[in-house]
Amino acid sequence: MNKWQNLLGMAMRARRIALGDRVIASIQNKKASLVIIGADCGENQRKKLSDKCTFYEVPYVIVESSAMIEEAIGQFNRKSVAVLDSGFARSIQSCMKG
């Protein structure tokens, strides 16, 4: 497991992420600090999430597969996740770049 996955798992245990329908709601409420999208999610969902993130100026990252997200948070059938804590979001982004 990558370091960013470990950080995402810690954010999950700290209850600082949004899943499912709450991902879009957290983007619109400007509570999301980072959105992580699996590359294998549906084309319509990926476009909808990326457009919302662009419009509301929320950074987003597309990872190679949703299995990486699922492994990190310990739940199945999760294609996207919003990180609500800015500290976790910064750490995850820096791990992905480096």
PDB file of N, CA and C in Angstrom:
ATOM      1  N   MET A   1       0.842  -1.178   0.000  1.00  0.00           N
ATOM      2  CA  MET A   1       0.000   0.000   0.000  1.00  0.00           C
ATOM      3  C   MET A   1       0.892   1.248   0.000  1.00  0.00           C
ATOM      4  N   ASN A   2       0.501   2.236  -0.789  1.00  0.00           N
ATOM      5  CA  ASN A   2       1.268   3.480  -0.892  1.00  0.00           C
ATOM      6  C   ASN A   2       1.060   4.348   0.335  1.00  0.00           C
ATOM      7  N   LYS A   3       1.928   5.344   0.483  1.00  0.00           N
ATOM      8  CA  LYS A   3       1.805   6.240   1.632  1.00  0.00           C
ATOM      9  C   LYS A   3       0.513   7.056   1.587  1.00  0.00           C
ATOM     10  N   TRP A   4       0.109   7.486   0.367  1.00  0.00           N
ATOM     11  CA  TRP A   4      -1.138   8.264   0.282  1.00  0.00           C
ATOM     12  C   TRP A   4      -2.339   7.412   0.667  1.00  0.00           C
ATOM     13  N   GLN A   5      -2.272   6.095   0.403  1.00  0.00           N
ATOM     14  CA  GLN A   5      -3.359   5.212   0.806  1.00  0.00           C
ATOM     15  C   GLN A   5      -3.428   5.089   2.326  1.00  0.00           C
ATOM     16  N   ASN A   6      -2.262   5.034   2.957  1.00  0.00           N
ATOM     17  CA  ASN A   6      -2.230   4.990   4.426  1.00  0.00           C
ATOM     18  C   ASN A   6      -2.844   6.260   5.008  1.00  0.00           C
ATOM     19  N   LEU A   7      -2.509   7.411   4.427  1.00  0.00           N
ATOM     20  CA  LEU A   7      -3.074   8.675   4.895  1.00  0.00           C
ATOM     21  C   LEU A   7      -4.584   8.726   4.666  1.00  0.00           C
ATOM     22  N   LEU A   8      -5.045   8.198   3.543  1.00  0.00           N
ATOM     23  CA  LEU A   8      -6.479   8.161   3.266  1.00  0.00           C
ATOM     24  C   LEU A   8      -7.194   7.253   4.270  1.00  0.00           C
ATOM     25  N   GLY A   9      -6.544   6.144   4.627  1.00  0.00           N
ATOM     26  CA  GLY A   9      -7.103   5.261   5.644  1.00  0.00           C
ATOM     27  C   GLY A   9      -7.193   5.942   7.001  1.00  0.00           C
ATOM     28  N   MET A  10      -6.178   6.739   7.338  1.00  0.00           N
ATOM     29  CA  MET A  10      -6.217   7.480   8.609  1.00  0.00           C
ATOM     30  C   MET A  10      -7.328   8.526   8.582  1.00  0.00           C
ATOM     31  N   ALA A  11      -7.511   9.185   7.443  1.00  0.00           N
ATOM     32  CA  ALA A  11      -8.588  10.163   7.316  1.00  0.00           C
ATOM     33  C   ALA A  11      -9.950   9.479   7.453  1.00  0.00           C
ATOM     34  N   MET A  12     -10.051   8.253   6.932  1.00  0.00           N
ATOM     35  CA  MET A  12     -11.303   7.490   7.060  1.00  0.00           C
ATOM     36  C   MET A  12     -11.585   7.183   8.531  1.00  0.00           C
ATOM     37  N   ARG A  13     -10.556   6.736   9.256  1.00  0.00           N
ATOM     38  CA  ARG A  13     -10.741   6.411  10.672  1.00  0.00           C
ATOM     39  C   ARG A  13     -11.042   7.658  11.495  1.00  0.00           C
ATOM     40  N   ALA A  14     -10.540   8.817  11.036  1.00  0.00           N
ATOM     41  CA  ALA A  14     -10.806  10.076  11.732  1.00  0.00           C
ATOM     42  C   ALA A  14     -12.139  10.692  11.299  1.00  0.00           C
ATOM     43  N   ARG A  15     -12.845  10.012  10.403  1.00  0.00           N
ATOM     44  CA  ARG A  15     -14.140  10.482   9.877  1.00  0.00           C
ATOM     45  C   ARG A  15     -14.018  11.846   9.189  1.00  0.00           C
ATOM     46  N   ARG A  16     -12.958  12.021   8.420  1.00  0.00           N
ATOM     47  CA  ARG A  16     -12.729  13.273   7.707  1.00  0.00           C
ATOM     48  C   ARG A  16     -12.813  13.076   6.194  1.00  0.00           C
ATOM     49  N   ILE A  17     -13.624  12.096   5.750  1.00  0.00           N
ATOM     50  CA  ILE A  17     -13.860  11.906   4.322  1.00  0.00           C
ATOM     51  C   ILE A  17     -15.358  11.785   4.070  1.00  0.00           C
ATOM     52  N   ALA A  18     -15.745  12.041   2.820  1.00  0.00           N
ATOM     53  CA  ALA A  18     -17.135  11.894   2.400  1.00  0.00           C
ATOM     54  C   ALA A  18     -17.189  10.825   1.319  1.00  0.00           C
ATOM     55  N   LEU A  19     -18.230   9.985   1.378  1.00  0.00           N
ATOM     56  CA  LEU A  19     -18.395   8.896   0.425  1.00  0.00           C
ATOM     57  C   LEU A  19     -19.760   9.001  -0.252  1.00  0.00           C
ATOM     58  N   GLY A  20     -19.875   8.369  -1.399  1.00  0.00           N
ATOM     59  CA  GLY A  20     -21.167   8.275  -2.079  1.00  0.00           C
ATOM     60  C   GLY A  20     -21.707   9.616  -2.535  1.00  0.00           C
ATOM     61  N   ASP A  21     -22.995   9.838  -2.257  1.00  0.00           N
ATOM     62  CA  ASP A  21     -23.649  11.075  -2.681  1.00  0.00           C
ATOM     63  C   ASP A  21     -23.092  12.300  -1.960  1.00  0.00           C
ATOM     64  N   ARG A  22     -22.502  12.095  -0.817  1.00  0.00           N
ATOM     65  CA  ARG A  22     -21.969  13.221  -0.044  1.00  0.00           C
ATOM     66  C   ARG A  22     -20.704  13.826  -0.658  1.00  0.00           C
ATOM     67  N   VAL A  23     -20.102  13.129  -1.626  1.00  0.00           N
ATOM     68  CA  VAL A  23     -18.917  13.684  -2.299  1.00  0.00           C
ATOM     69  C   VAL A  23     -19.301  14.963  -3.036  1.00  0.00           C
ATOM     70  N   ILE A  24     -20.346  14.901  -3.845  1.00  0.00           N
ATOM     71  CA  ILE A  24     -20.781  16.080  -4.612  1.00  0.00           C
ATOM     72  C   ILE A  24     -21.291  17.166  -3.670  1.00  0.00           C
ATOM     73  N   ALA A  25     -22.030  16.783  -2.631  1.00  0.00           N
ATOM     74  CA  ALA A  25     -22.539  17.767  -1.668  1.00  0.00           C
ATOM     75  C   ALA A  25     -21.389  18.483  -0.971  1.00  0.00           C
ATOM     76  N   SER A  26     -20.331  17.753  -0.627  1.00  0.00           N
ATOM     77  CA  SER A  26     -19.194  18.392   0.054  1.00  0.00           C
ATOM     78  C   SER A  26     -18.437  19.324  -0.885  1.00  0.00           C
ATOM     79  N   ILE A  27     -18.422  19.011  -2.179  1.00  0.00           N
ATOM     80  CA  ILE A  27     -17.791  19.917  -3.151  1.00  0.00           C
ATOM     81  C   ILE A  27     -18.603  21.211  -3.239  1.00  0.00           C
ATOM     82  N   GLN A  28     -19.928  21.069  -3.351  1.00  0.00           N
ATOM     83  CA  GLN A  28     -20.787  22.239  -3.498  1.00  0.00           C
ATOM     84  C   GLN A  28     -20.805  23.095  -2.232  1.00  0.00           C
ATOM     85  N   ASN A  29     -20.669  22.479  -1.072  1.00  0.00           N
ATOM     86  CA  ASN A  29     -20.632  23.222   0.192  1.00  0.00           C
ATOM     87  C   ASN A  29     -19.245  23.759   0.515  1.00  0.00           C
ATOM     88  N   LYS A  30     -18.299  23.485  -0.365  1.00  0.00           N
ATOM     89  CA  LYS A  30     -16.896  23.897  -0.205  1.00  0.00           C
ATOM     90  C   LYS A  30     -16.280  23.338   1.072  1.00  0.00           C
ATOM     91  N   LYS A  31     -16.685  22.127   1.447  1.00  0.00           N
ATOM     92  CA  LYS A  31     -16.091  21.438   2.590  1.00  0.00           C
ATOM     93  C   LYS A  31     -14.988  20.491   2.144  1.00  0.00           C
ATOM     94  N   ALA A  32     -15.003  20.099   0.884  1.00  0.00           N
ATOM     95  CA  ALA A  32     -13.995  19.173   0.361  1.00  0.00           C
ATOM     96  C   ALA A  32     -12.691  19.918   0.099  1.00  0.00           C
ATOM     97  N   SER A  33     -11.590  19.321   0.557  1.00  0.00           N
ATOM     98  CA  SER A  33     -10.267  19.893   0.294  1.00  0.00           C
ATOM     99  C   SER A  33      -9.569  19.180  -0.853  1.00  0.00           C
ATOM    100  N   LEU A  34      -9.983  17.938  -1.116  1.00  0.00           N
ATOM    101  CA  LEU A  34      -9.400  17.141  -2.201  1.00  0.00           C
ATOM    102  C   LEU A  34     -10.395  16.057  -2.575  1.00  0.00           C
ATOM    103  N   VAL A  35     -10.527  15.792  -3.859  1.00  0.00           N
ATOM    104  CA  VAL A  35     -11.373  14.699  -4.327  1.00  0.00           C
ATOM    105  C   VAL A  35     -10.485  13.707  -5.060  1.00  0.00           C
ATOM    106  N   ILE A  36     -10.615  12.428  -4.710  1.00  0.00           N
ATOM    107  CA  ILE A  36      -9.847  11.365  -5.350  1.00  0.00           C
ATOM    108  C   ILE A  36     -10.833  10.519  -6.148  1.00  0.00           C
ATOM    109  N   ILE A  37     -10.541  10.363  -7.441  1.00  0.00           N
ATOM    110  CA  ILE A  37     -11.443   9.657  -8.358  1.00  0.00           C
ATOM    111  C   ILE A  37     -10.689   8.469  -8.952  1.00  0.00           C
ATOM    112  N   GLY A  38     -11.321   7.315  -8.966  1.00  0.00           N
ATOM    113  CA  GLY A  38     -10.737   6.141  -9.606  1.00  0.00           C
ATOM    114  C   GLY A  38     -10.869   6.245 -11.115  1.00  0.00           C
ATOM    115  N   ALA A  39      -9.818   5.884 -11.839  1.00  0.00           N
ATOM    116  CA  ALA A  39      -9.830   6.000 -13.302  1.00  0.00           C
ATOM    117  C   ALA A  39     -10.839   5.059 -13.948  1.00  0.00           C
ATOM    118  N   ASP A  40     -11.211   3.995 -13.248  1.00  0.00           N
ATOM    119  CA  ASP A  40     -12.142   3.024 -13.822  1.00  0.00           C
ATOM    120  C   ASP A  40     -13.605   3.295 -13.472  1.00  0.00           C
ATOM    121  N   CYS A  41     -13.890   4.459 -12.887  1.00  0.00           N
ATOM    122  CA  CYS A  41     -15.300   4.787 -12.636  1.00  0.00           C
ATOM    123  C   CYS A  41     -15.941   5.198 -13.967  1.00  0.00           C
ATOM    124  N   GLY A  42     -17.242   5.288 -13.992  1.00  0.00           N
ATOM    125  CA  GLY A  42     -17.948   5.599 -15.228  1.00  0.00           C
ATOM    126  C   GLY A  42     -17.553   6.947 -15.802  1.00  0.00           C
ATOM    127  N   GLU A  43     -17.614   7.042 -17.116  1.00  0.00           N
ATOM    128  CA  GLU A  43     -17.211   8.276 -17.800  1.00  0.00           C
ATOM    129  C   GLU A  43     -18.074   9.463 -17.371  1.00  0.00           C
ATOM    130  N   ASN A  44     -19.383   9.238 -17.231  1.00  0.00           N
ATOM    131  CA  ASN A  44     -20.281  10.320 -16.824  1.00  0.00           C
ATOM    132  C   ASN A  44     -19.977  10.791 -15.405  1.00  0.00           C
ATOM    133  N   GLN A  45     -19.744   9.838 -14.506  1.00  0.00           N
ATOM    134  CA  GLN A  45     -19.440  10.202 -13.120  1.00  0.00           C
ATOM    135  C   GLN A  45     -18.123  10.964 -13.033  1.00  0.00           C
ATOM    136  N   ARG A  46     -17.103  10.485 -13.774  1.00  0.00           N
ATOM    137  CA  ARG A  46     -15.798  11.153 -13.754  1.00  0.00           C
ATOM    138  C   ARG A  46     -15.923  12.581 -14.273  1.00  0.00           C
ATOM    139  N   LYS A  47     -16.676  12.775 -15.372  1.00  0.00           N
ATOM    140  CA  LYS A  47     -16.859  14.119 -15.926  1.00  0.00           C
ATOM    141  C   LYS A  47     -17.633  15.001 -14.953  1.00  0.00           C
ATOM    142  N   LYS A  48     -18.681  14.462 -14.335  1.00  0.00           N
ATOM    143  CA  LYS A  48     -19.482  15.241 -13.393  1.00  0.00           C
ATOM    144  C   LYS A  48     -18.636  15.694 -12.209  1.00  0.00           C
ATOM    145  N   LEU A  49     -17.847  14.782 -11.649  1.00  0.00           N
ATOM    146  CA  LEU A  49     -17.005  15.133 -10.499  1.00  0.00           C
ATOM    147  C   LEU A  49     -15.924  16.141 -10.889  1.00  0.00           C
ATOM    148  N   SER A  50     -15.257  15.910 -12.022  1.00  0.00           N
ATOM    149  CA  SER A  50     -14.186  16.830 -12.419  1.00  0.00           C
ATOM    150  C   SER A  50     -14.741  18.215 -12.760  1.00  0.00           C
ATOM    151  N   ASP A  51     -15.910  18.278 -13.387  1.00  0.00           N
ATOM    152  CA  ASP A  51     -16.533  19.572 -13.691  1.00  0.00           C
ATOM    153  C   ASP A  51     -16.923  20.311 -12.409  1.00  0.00           C
ATOM    154  N   LYS A  52     -17.499  19.588 -11.440  1.00  0.00           N
ATOM    155  CA  LYS A  52     -17.870  20.210 -10.159  1.00  0.00           C
ATOM    156  C   LYS A  52     -16.623  20.733  -9.451  1.00  0.00           C
ATOM    157  N   CYS A  53     -15.559  19.926  -9.443  1.00  0.00           N
ATOM    158  CA  CYS A  53     -14.320  20.348  -8.784  1.00  0.00           C
ATOM    159  C   CYS A  53     -13.728  21.583  -9.455  1.00  0.00           C
ATOM    160  N   THR A  54     -13.756  21.617 -10.770  1.00  0.00           N
ATOM    161  CA  THR A  54     -13.234  22.770 -11.498  1.00  0.00           C
ATOM    162  C   THR A  54     -14.059  24.020 -11.199  1.00  0.00           C
ATOM    163  N   PHE A  55     -15.379  23.889 -11.227  1.00  0.00           N
ATOM    164  CA  PHE A  55     -16.258  25.030 -10.997  1.00  0.00           C
ATOM    165  C   PHE A  55     -16.108  25.576  -9.580  1.00  0.00           C
ATOM    166  N   TYR A  56     -16.041  24.691  -8.582  1.00  0.00           N
ATOM    167  CA  TYR A  56     -15.953  25.122  -7.183  1.00  0.00           C
ATOM    168  C   TYR A  56     -14.506  25.255  -6.697  1.00  0.00           C
ATOM    169  N   GLU A  57     -13.548  25.104  -7.625  1.00  0.00           N
ATOM    170  CA  GLU A  57     -12.116  25.273  -7.348  1.00  0.00           C
ATOM    171  C   GLU A  57     -11.626  24.341  -6.237  1.00  0.00           C
ATOM    172  N   VAL A  58     -12.001  23.078  -6.359  1.00  0.00           N
ATOM    173  CA  VAL A  58     -11.546  22.037  -5.434  1.00  0.00           C
ATOM    174  C   VAL A  58     -10.558  21.161  -6.196  1.00  0.00           C
ATOM    175  N   PRO A  59      -9.354  20.954  -5.677  1.00  0.00           N
ATOM    176  CA  PRO A  59      -8.397  20.098  -6.386  1.00  0.00           C
ATOM    177  C   PRO A  59      -8.877  18.648  -6.426  1.00  0.00           C
ATOM    178  N   TYR A  60      -8.583  17.979  -7.525  1.00  0.00           N
ATOM    179  CA  TYR A  60      -8.939  16.565  -7.635  1.00  0.00           C
ATOM    180  C   TYR A  60      -7.801  15.794  -8.284  1.00  0.00           C
ATOM    181  N   VAL A  61      -7.754  14.503  -7.982  1.00  0.00           N
ATOM    182  CA  VAL A  61      -6.718  13.622  -8.501  1.00  0.00           C
ATOM    183  C   VAL A  61      -7.402  12.373  -9.036  1.00  0.00           C
ATOM    184  N   ILE A  62      -6.951  11.898 -10.182  1.00  0.00           N
ATOM    185  CA  ILE A  62      -7.460  10.644 -10.723  1.00  0.00           C
ATOM    186  C   ILE A  62      -6.384   9.586 -10.520  1.00  0.00           C
ATOM    187  N   VAL A  63      -6.719   8.554  -9.742  1.00  0.00           N
ATOM    188  CA  VAL A  63      -5.777   7.464  -9.466  1.00  0.00           C
ATOM    189  C   VAL A  63      -6.027   6.327 -10.448  1.00  0.00           C
ATOM    190  N   GLU A  64      -5.066   5.408 -10.549  1.00  0.00           N
ATOM    191  CA  GLU A  64      -5.126   4.389 -11.598  1.00  0.00           C
ATOM    192  C   GLU A  64      -6.315   3.447 -11.502  1.00  0.00           C
ATOM    193  N   SER A  65      -6.820   3.162 -10.289  1.00  0.00           N
ATOM    194  CA  SER A  65      -8.007   2.310 -10.185  1.00  0.00           C
ATOM    195  C   SER A  65      -8.745   2.575  -8.878  1.00  0.00           C
ATOM    196  N   SER A  66     -10.038   2.263  -8.891  1.00  0.00           N
ATOM    197  CA  SER A  66     -10.820   2.444  -7.672  1.00  0.00           C
ATOM    198  C   SER A  66     -10.449   1.408  -6.618  1.00  0.00           C
ATOM    199  N   ALA A  67      -9.805   0.329  -7.022  1.00  0.00           N
ATOM    200  CA  ALA A  67      -9.355  -0.685  -6.062  1.00  0.00           C
ATOM    201  C   ALA A  67      -8.372  -0.085  -5.059  1.00  0.00           C
ATOM    202  N   MET A  68      -7.605   0.894  -5.488  1.00  0.00           N
ATOM    203  CA  MET A  68      -6.660   1.559  -4.578  1.00  0.00           C
ATOM    204  C   MET A  68      -7.418   2.329  -3.504  1.00  0.00           C
ATOM    205  N   ILE A  69      -8.515   2.977  -3.881  1.00  0.00           N
ATOM    206  CA  ILE A  69      -9.344   3.705  -2.921  1.00  0.00           C
ATOM    207  C   ILE A  69     -10.006   2.715  -1.964  1.00  0.00           C
ATOM    208  N   GLU A  70     -10.558   1.645  -2.533  1.00  0.00           N
ATOM    209  CA  GLU A  70     -11.238   0.637  -1.726  1.00  0.00           C
ATOM    210  C   GLU A  70     -10.301  -0.007  -0.717  1.00  0.00           C
ATOM    211  N   GLU A  71      -9.084  -0.311  -1.143  1.00  0.00           N
ATOM    212  CA  GLU A  71      -8.099  -0.916  -0.247  1.00  0.00           C
ATOM    213  C   GLU A  71      -7.739   0.032   0.888  1.00  0.00           C
ATOM    214  N   ALA A  72      -7.626   1.306   0.568  1.00  0.00           N
ATOM    215  CA  ALA A  72      -7.214   2.290   1.568  1.00  0.00           C
ATOM    216  C   ALA A  72      -8.275   2.499   2.646  1.00  0.00           C
ATOM    217  N   ILE A  73      -9.550   2.563   2.242  1.00  0.00           N
ATOM    218  CA  ILE A  73     -10.595   2.879   3.216  1.00  0.00           C
ATOM    219  C   ILE A  73     -11.290   1.638   3.776  1.00  0.00           C
ATOM    220  N   GLY A  74     -11.014   0.472   3.176  1.00  0.00           N
ATOM    221  CA  GLY A  74     -11.582  -0.763   3.694  1.00  0.00           C
ATOM    222  C   GLY A  74     -13.045  -0.973   3.356  1.00  0.00           C
ATOM    223  N   GLN A  75     -13.531  -0.338   2.301  1.00  0.00           N
ATOM    224  CA  GLN A  75     -14.906  -0.523   1.853  1.00  0.00           C
ATOM    225  C   GLN A  75     -14.896  -0.849   0.367  1.00  0.00           C
ATOM    226  N   PHE A  76     -15.901  -1.578  -0.076  1.00  0.00           N
ATOM    227  CA  PHE A  76     -15.953  -1.997  -1.466  1.00  0.00           C
ATOM    228  C   PHE A  76     -16.915  -1.130  -2.269  1.00  0.00           C
ATOM    229  N   ASN A  77     -16.703  -1.133  -3.579  1.00  0.00           N
ATOM    230  CA  ASN A  77     -17.538  -0.404  -4.528  1.00  0.00           C
ATOM    231  C   ASN A  77     -17.521   1.098  -4.277  1.00  0.00           C
ATOM    232  N   ARG A  78     -16.338   1.640  -4.034  1.00  0.00           N
ATOM    233  CA  ARG A  78     -16.155   3.085  -3.873  1.00  0.00           C
ATOM    234  C   ARG A  78     -15.292   3.581  -5.020  1.00  0.00           C
ATOM    235  N   LYS A  79     -15.872   4.426  -5.849  1.00  0.00           N
ATOM    236  CA  LYS A  79     -15.171   4.938  -7.030  1.00  0.00           C
ATOM    237  C   LYS A  79     -14.561   6.310  -6.807  1.00  0.00           C
ATOM    238  N   SER A  80     -15.056   7.032  -5.795  1.00  0.00           N
ATOM    239  CA  SER A  80     -14.521   8.364  -5.505  1.00  0.00           C
ATOM    240  C   SER A  80     -14.679   8.647  -4.024  1.00  0.00           C
ATOM    241  N   VAL A  81     -13.868   9.582  -3.542  1.00  0.00           N
ATOM    242  CA  VAL A  81     -13.892   9.962  -2.132  1.00  0.00           C
ATOM    243  C   VAL A  81     -13.458  11.428  -2.030  1.00  0.00           C
ATOM    244  N   ALA A  82     -14.063  12.145  -1.090  1.00  0.00           N
ATOM    245  CA  ALA A  82     -13.681  13.539  -0.844  1.00  0.00           C
ATOM    246  C   ALA A  82     -13.016  13.621   0.523  1.00  0.00           C
ATOM    247  N   VAL A  83     -11.840  14.236   0.576  1.00  0.00           N
ATOM    248  CA  VAL A  83     -11.135  14.447   1.836  1.00  0.00           C
ATOM    249  C   VAL A  83     -11.580  15.804   2.375  1.00  0.00           C
ATOM    250  N   LEU A  84     -12.103  15.807   3.591  1.00  0.00           N
ATOM    251  CA  LEU A  84     -12.671  17.026   4.162  1.00  0.00           C
ATOM    252  C   LEU A  84     -11.670  17.830   4.985  1.00  0.00           C
ATOM    253  N   ASP A  85     -10.566  17.232   5.353  1.00  0.00           N
ATOM    254  CA  ASP A  85      -9.575  17.900   6.201  1.00  0.00           C
ATOM    255  C   ASP A  85      -8.435  18.431   5.332  1.00  0.00           C
ATOM    256  N   SER A  86      -8.121  19.716   5.472  1.00  0.00           N
ATOM    257  CA  SER A  86      -7.096  20.322   4.610  1.00  0.00           C
ATOM    258  C   SER A  86      -5.704  19.764   4.902  1.00  0.00           C
ATOM    259  N   GLY A  87      -5.431  19.396   6.140  1.00  0.00           N
ATOM    260  CA  GLY A  87      -4.133  18.817   6.484  1.00  0.00           C
ATOM    261  C   GLY A  87      -3.922  17.473   5.815  1.00  0.00           C
ATOM    262  N   PHE A  88      -4.926  16.603   5.898  1.00  0.00           N
ATOM    263  CA  PHE A  88      -4.846  15.317   5.207  1.00  0.00           C
ATOM    264  C   PHE A  88      -4.727  15.526   3.702  1.00  0.00           C
ATOM    265  N   ALA A  89      -5.492  16.465   3.164  1.00  0.00           N
ATOM    266  CA  ALA A  89      -5.476  16.718   1.714  1.00  0.00           C
ATOM    267  C   ALA A  89      -4.088  17.153   1.249  1.00  0.00           C
ATOM    268  N   ARG A  90      -3.459  18.069   1.984  1.00  0.00           N
ATOM    269  CA  ARG A  90      -2.103  18.519   1.622  1.00  0.00           C
ATOM    270  C   ARG A  90      -1.111  17.366   1.673  1.00  0.00           C
ATOM    271  N   SER A  91      -1.187  16.553   2.715  1.00  0.00           N
ATOM    272  CA  SER A  91      -0.267  15.424   2.868  1.00  0.00           C
ATOM    273  C   SER A  91      -0.448  14.402   1.749  1.00  0.00           C
ATOM    274  N   ILE A  92      -1.691  14.106   1.419  1.00  0.00           N
ATOM    275  CA  ILE A  92      -1.965  13.137   0.353  1.00  0.00           C
ATOM    276  C   ILE A  92      -1.456  13.659  -0.984  1.00  0.00           C
ATOM    277  N   GLN A  93      -1.701  14.934  -1.274  1.00  0.00           N
ATOM    278  CA  GLN A  93      -1.224  15.518  -2.536  1.00  0.00           C
ATOM    279  C   GLN A  93       0.298  15.499  -2.616  1.00  0.00           C
ATOM    280  N   SER A  94       0.981  15.803  -1.527  1.00  0.00           N
ATOM    281  CA  SER A  94       2.446  15.819  -1.554  1.00  0.00           C
ATOM    282  C   SER A  94       2.994  14.402  -1.737  1.00  0.00           C
ATOM    283  N   CYS A  95       2.324  13.401  -1.178  1.00  0.00           N
ATOM    284  CA  CYS A  95       2.764  12.009  -1.372  1.00  0.00           C
ATOM    285  C   CYS A  95       2.559  11.555  -2.812  1.00  0.00           C
ATOM    286  N   MET A  96       1.487  12.020  -3.436  1.00  0.00           N
ATOM    287  CA  MET A  96       1.210  11.634  -4.821  1.00  0.00           C
ATOM    288  C   MET A  96       2.196  12.269  -5.794  1.00  0.00           C
ATOM    289  N   LYS A  97       2.655  13.485  -5.473  1.00  0.00           N
ATOM    290  CA  LYS A  97       3.603  14.170  -6.362  1.00  0.00           C
ATOM    291  C   LYS A  97       5.002  13.593  -6.237  1.00  0.00           C
ATOM    292  N   GLY A  98       5.375  13.232  -5.015  1.00  0.00           N
ATOM    293  CA  GLY A  98       6.732  12.794  -4.750  1.00  0.00           C
ATOM    294  C   GLY A  98       7.022  11.372  -4.976  1.00  0.00           C
TER     295      GLY A  98
END
